[in-house]
Each structure stands twice: as structure tokens, then as C-alpha cells.
N, C-alpha and C. Protein backbone atom coordinates (compact mmCIF):
# COMPACT_ATOMS: atom_id res chain seq x y z
N MET A 1 -2.81 -14.43 -17.53
CA MET A 1 -1.88 -13.10 -16.66
C MET A 1 -2.24 -11.61 -16.32
N LEU A 2 -2.62 -11.08 -16.96
CA LEU A 2 -2.75 -9.69 -17.60
C LEU A 2 -4.36 -9.76 -17.01
N LYS A 3 -5.07 -10.47 -16.38
CA LYS A 3 -6.15 -10.07 -16.34
C LYS A 3 -6.24 -9.96 -14.21
N HIS A 4 -4.55 -10.28 -13.95
CA HIS A 4 -4.85 -9.71 -12.14
C HIS A 4 -3.76 -8.29 -12.02
N ARG A 5 -3.60 -7.57 -11.41
CA ARG A 5 -3.32 -6.88 -10.72
C ARG A 5 -1.45 -7.16 -11.00
N LEU A 6 -0.56 -6.15 -11.64
CA LEU A 6 0.59 -6.89 -11.59
C LEU A 6 0.99 -6.00 -10.86
N LEU A 7 1.74 -5.99 -10.08
CA LEU A 7 2.61 -4.83 -8.64
C LEU A 7 4.12 -5.35 -8.59
N GLY A 8 5.06 -3.93 -8.74
CA GLY A 8 5.74 -3.46 -9.11
C GLY A 8 6.59 -2.33 -7.95
N SER A 9 7.27 -2.09 -8.39
CA SER A 9 8.56 -0.68 -7.44
C SER A 9 8.19 0.31 -8.19
N LYS A 10 7.64 1.59 -8.08
CA LYS A 10 8.24 2.83 -8.61
C LYS A 10 9.37 3.09 -8.68
N HIS A 11 10.54 2.47 -8.55
CA HIS A 11 12.03 2.34 -8.48
C HIS A 11 12.24 1.72 -9.75
N GLN A 12 11.16 1.00 -10.12
CA GLN A 12 11.57 -0.50 -11.63
C GLN A 12 10.40 0.24 -12.28
N PRO A 13 10.01 0.95 -12.49
CA PRO A 13 7.86 0.41 -13.06
C PRO A 13 8.16 -0.34 -14.83
N GLU A 14 9.07 -0.36 -15.34
CA GLU A 14 9.54 -0.76 -16.34
C GLU A 14 9.39 -2.34 -16.49
N LEU A 15 9.69 -3.02 -15.06
CA LEU A 15 10.23 -4.65 -15.08
C LEU A 15 8.85 -5.10 -15.74
N TRP A 16 7.69 -5.16 -14.97
CA TRP A 16 6.54 -5.91 -15.49
C TRP A 16 6.88 -5.92 -17.27
N ARG A 17 7.03 -4.67 -18.21
CA ARG A 17 6.61 -4.57 -19.49
C ARG A 17 8.18 -5.00 -20.03
N GLU A 18 9.15 -4.78 -19.49
CA GLU A 18 10.16 -5.97 -20.21
C GLU A 18 10.19 -6.69 -19.75
N TRP A 19 9.56 -7.82 -18.82
CA TRP A 19 9.43 -9.16 -18.55
C TRP A 19 8.33 -9.78 -19.94
N LEU A 20 7.07 -8.72 -19.46
CA LEU A 20 5.85 -9.16 -20.69
C LEU A 20 6.55 -9.61 -22.34
N ARG A 21 7.50 -8.24 -22.88
CA ARG A 21 7.90 -8.44 -23.42
C ARG A 21 8.81 -9.72 -24.30
N LYS A 22 9.34 -9.74 -23.11
CA LYS A 22 10.66 -10.86 -23.35
C LYS A 22 9.73 -12.64 -23.31
N LEU A 23 8.76 -13.09 -22.75
CA LEU A 23 8.07 -13.20 -22.97
C LEU A 23 6.97 -13.31 -24.26
N GLY A 24 7.20 -12.23 -25.04
CA GLY A 24 6.18 -12.49 -25.98
C GLY A 24 4.67 -11.94 -25.87
N ILE A 25 4.21 -11.61 -24.79
CA ILE A 25 2.76 -11.11 -24.15
C ILE A 25 2.88 -9.95 -24.12
N ALA A 26 1.55 -9.29 -25.57
CA ALA A 26 1.33 -8.48 -25.82
C ALA A 26 0.68 -7.70 -24.34
N GLU A 27 0.81 -6.41 -23.99
CA GLU A 27 0.57 -5.73 -23.21
C GLU A 27 -0.94 -5.08 -23.43
N ARG A 28 -1.97 -5.71 -22.76
CA ARG A 28 -2.95 -5.14 -22.62
C ARG A 28 -3.60 -3.42 -22.03
N PRO A 29 -4.16 -2.51 -22.85
CA PRO A 29 -4.65 -1.26 -22.17
C PRO A 29 -5.39 -1.56 -20.75
N THR A 30 -5.95 -2.77 -20.81
CA THR A 30 -6.94 -3.17 -19.88
C THR A 30 -5.70 -3.71 -18.67
N ALA A 31 -4.46 -3.55 -18.81
CA ALA A 31 -4.07 -4.95 -17.37
C ALA A 31 -3.34 -3.32 -16.70
N GLN A 32 -3.51 -3.84 -15.00
CA GLN A 32 -3.80 -3.12 -14.42
C GLN A 32 -2.46 -3.31 -13.35
N PHE A 33 -1.17 -2.33 -13.34
CA PHE A 33 -0.25 -1.75 -12.51
C PHE A 33 -0.28 -1.00 -11.33
N ILE A 34 0.61 -1.54 -10.43
CA ILE A 34 0.04 -1.15 -9.21
C ILE A 34 1.83 -1.06 -8.71
N ASP A 35 2.29 0.28 -8.38
CA ASP A 35 3.60 0.01 -8.14
C ASP A 35 4.08 0.63 -6.53
N PHE A 36 4.74 -0.03 -5.61
CA PHE A 36 4.92 0.40 -4.71
C PHE A 36 6.15 0.99 -4.52
N ASP A 37 6.32 2.05 -2.72
CA ASP A 37 7.70 2.66 -2.77
C ASP A 37 8.46 1.59 -1.93
N SER A 38 8.12 0.68 -1.42
CA SER A 38 8.85 -0.42 -0.87
C SER A 38 8.57 -1.68 -1.29
N PHE A 39 10.14 -2.58 -1.61
CA PHE A 39 9.65 -3.95 -2.25
C PHE A 39 9.00 -4.28 -0.70
N HIS A 40 9.15 -4.50 0.40
CA HIS A 40 8.30 -5.11 1.48
C HIS A 40 6.80 -4.26 1.44
N LEU A 41 6.68 -3.14 1.35
CA LEU A 41 5.03 -3.07 1.19
C LEU A 41 4.93 -4.06 -0.22
N LEU A 42 5.12 -4.17 -1.43
CA LEU A 42 5.14 -4.46 -2.52
C LEU A 42 4.62 -6.46 -2.09
N TYR A 43 5.55 -6.35 -1.32
CA TYR A 43 5.65 -7.88 -1.11
C TYR A 43 4.27 -9.01 -0.07
N GLU A 44 3.87 -7.39 0.81
CA GLU A 44 3.21 -7.63 1.36
C GLU A 44 1.82 -8.18 1.25
N ALA A 45 1.24 -7.34 0.01
CA ALA A 45 0.80 -6.55 -1.00
C ALA A 45 0.29 -8.16 -1.86
N ALA A 46 0.95 -8.96 -2.02
CA ALA A 46 1.16 -9.64 -2.62
C ALA A 46 0.71 -10.87 -1.92
N VAL A 47 1.41 -11.25 -0.73
CA VAL A 47 0.83 -12.07 0.30
C VAL A 47 -0.18 -11.86 0.81
N ASN A 48 -0.87 -10.33 0.69
CA ASN A 48 -2.32 -10.37 0.95
C ASN A 48 -3.55 -10.46 -0.48
N GLY A 49 -3.05 -11.35 -1.65
CA GLY A 49 -3.92 -11.30 -2.33
C GLY A 49 -4.24 -10.26 -3.09
N LEU A 50 -3.45 -9.31 -3.26
CA LEU A 50 -3.73 -7.84 -4.13
C LEU A 50 -2.88 -8.17 -5.30
N GLY A 51 -2.29 -9.14 -5.87
CA GLY A 51 -1.88 -9.31 -7.20
C GLY A 51 -0.69 -10.16 -7.53
N ILE A 52 -0.07 -10.32 -8.48
CA ILE A 52 0.93 -10.95 -8.94
C ILE A 52 2.31 -9.82 -8.38
N ALA A 53 3.34 -10.25 -7.90
CA ALA A 53 4.73 -9.78 -7.66
C ALA A 53 5.77 -9.50 -8.59
N MET A 54 6.39 -8.93 -8.98
CA MET A 54 7.76 -9.03 -9.70
C MET A 54 8.88 -9.09 -8.26
N GLY A 55 10.21 -9.62 -8.04
CA GLY A 55 10.65 -9.56 -7.10
C GLY A 55 11.82 -9.65 -7.05
N LEU A 56 12.76 -8.88 -6.68
CA LEU A 56 14.11 -8.94 -6.32
C LEU A 56 14.85 -10.57 -5.57
N GLU A 57 15.16 -11.01 -5.99
CA GLU A 57 15.41 -12.31 -5.04
C GLU A 57 15.90 -12.24 -3.94
N VAL A 58 17.20 -11.63 -3.56
CA VAL A 58 17.84 -11.29 -2.79
C VAL A 58 16.48 -10.35 -1.55
N ILE A 59 15.83 -9.72 -1.71
CA ILE A 59 14.44 -9.96 -0.90
C ILE A 59 13.36 -10.27 -0.89
N VAL A 60 13.23 -10.62 -2.06
CA VAL A 60 11.76 -11.57 -1.71
C VAL A 60 12.06 -13.22 -1.12
N GLU A 61 13.10 -13.30 -1.19
CA GLU A 61 13.83 -15.52 -0.64
C GLU A 61 12.92 -15.11 0.82
N PRO A 62 13.29 -14.62 2.14
CA PRO A 62 12.51 -15.03 3.11
C PRO A 62 10.83 -15.23 2.80
N TYR A 63 10.33 -14.34 1.73
CA TYR A 63 8.96 -15.23 1.69
C TYR A 63 8.99 -16.02 0.87
N LEU A 64 9.84 -16.42 0.11
CA LEU A 64 9.31 -18.00 -0.77
C LEU A 64 9.71 -18.05 0.34
N ASP A 65 11.19 -18.72 1.08
CA ASP A 65 11.51 -19.73 2.19
C ASP A 65 10.58 -20.12 3.15
N ASP A 66 9.82 -19.02 3.45
CA ASP A 66 8.75 -19.27 4.47
C ASP A 66 7.28 -19.59 3.67
N GLY A 67 6.62 -19.53 2.84
CA GLY A 67 5.91 -20.27 1.65
C GLY A 67 4.64 -19.23 1.84
N ARG A 68 5.11 -17.65 2.36
CA ARG A 68 4.43 -16.56 1.95
C ARG A 68 3.95 -16.32 0.74
N LEU A 69 5.23 -16.60 -0.48
CA LEU A 69 5.15 -16.00 -1.20
C LEU A 69 5.34 -17.39 -2.60
N SER A 70 5.16 -18.55 -3.62
CA SER A 70 5.43 -18.67 -4.33
C SER A 70 5.95 -18.19 -5.75
N HIS A 71 7.08 -18.97 -5.99
CA HIS A 71 7.15 -19.00 -7.36
C HIS A 71 5.62 -19.17 -8.49
N LEU A 72 5.82 -18.50 -9.37
CA LEU A 72 4.91 -18.34 -10.59
C LEU A 72 5.36 -19.29 -11.55
N CYS A 73 6.64 -19.02 -11.76
CA CYS A 73 7.16 -19.64 -13.07
C CYS A 73 8.50 -18.79 -12.86
N ASP A 74 9.44 -19.98 -13.47
CA ASP A 74 10.71 -19.68 -13.46
C ASP A 74 11.57 -18.69 -14.71
N VAL A 75 10.78 -17.82 -15.08
CA VAL A 75 11.25 -16.93 -16.26
C VAL A 75 11.87 -15.94 -15.15
N ARG A 76 13.06 -15.56 -15.78
CA ARG A 76 13.67 -14.74 -14.74
C ARG A 76 13.85 -13.44 -15.88
N CYS A 77 14.16 -11.85 -15.02
CA CYS A 77 14.23 -10.59 -15.58
C CYS A 77 15.26 -10.09 -15.57
N ALA A 78 15.94 -10.08 -16.19
CA ALA A 78 17.52 -9.50 -15.75
C ALA A 78 18.41 -7.97 -16.50
N ARG A 79 17.81 -7.17 -15.35
CA ARG A 79 17.95 -5.88 -16.19
C ARG A 79 18.95 -4.93 -14.97
N GLU A 80 20.23 -4.41 -15.59
CA GLU A 80 21.33 -3.87 -14.96
C GLU A 80 21.48 -4.59 -13.78
N ASN A 81 22.00 -5.91 -13.99
CA ASN A 81 22.59 -6.94 -12.79
C ASN A 81 21.26 -7.12 -11.72
N ILE A 82 20.13 -6.66 -12.01
CA ILE A 82 18.78 -6.95 -11.06
C ILE A 82 18.52 -8.21 -11.28
N LEU A 83 18.73 -9.28 -10.51
CA LEU A 83 17.67 -10.65 -10.91
C LEU A 83 16.17 -10.42 -10.23
N CYS A 84 15.70 -10.20 -11.19
CA CYS A 84 14.15 -10.38 -10.89
C CYS A 84 13.47 -11.94 -10.50
N ARG A 85 12.30 -12.21 -9.88
CA ARG A 85 11.85 -13.52 -9.72
C ARG A 85 10.67 -12.85 -9.66
N LEU A 86 9.50 -13.65 -10.26
CA LEU A 86 8.14 -13.24 -10.59
C LEU A 86 7.87 -13.92 -9.43
N SER A 87 6.68 -13.82 -8.43
CA SER A 87 5.98 -14.31 -7.38
C SER A 87 4.77 -14.40 -7.17
N ARG A 88 4.00 -14.96 -6.38
CA ARG A 88 2.86 -14.77 -6.65
C ARG A 88 2.41 -15.50 -5.00
N ALA A 89 1.62 -14.98 -4.21
CA ALA A 89 0.70 -15.21 -2.94
C ALA A 89 -0.76 -16.25 -3.34
């Protein structure tokens, strides 16, 4: 997974690191993180193959429902009552 770009939000840049720690995956210095100002830009980047996106369920749901994104796995990261889902183009 760390071979792929990890796409996230500038508003919550620590979510990927928290998720990786939760799974016991050591972050490598070569891991490439890209953060976006907008969740919609984040998901469009994943749709266009720029990497794997961490998503807020309520916002990413339309992308999952219409098949533009799909679940990579079912592990979720809850932080400050925000439910996140890992998604991939």
C-alpha cells in the first residue's frame, strides 16, 4: 500500500498516519502523501488514478454507489466522531 500515493485532506492530514498505526504498518520515509483542500477534489483525484483516498463516509458514498470508487478494505478509522473509509479508484 505504501507504494501508492496516499490521498487525504489538508484539514485532517494525520488520518493516514493514524490508520497505518492502527493496522501496525510502519510508515516509510518514501511514502508519498498528497493532501487536498476539498474532499470532492480528493475523490476526483482517486477516480482519475492519482492514488488511494481516505474518505468521509457521508461524502464519499455517492462515489461508491455509482462505482467511481470502490472499497480497498473494510478497516475504518474513527476520530472525533468522524467515520472514514479507505477507497480506491
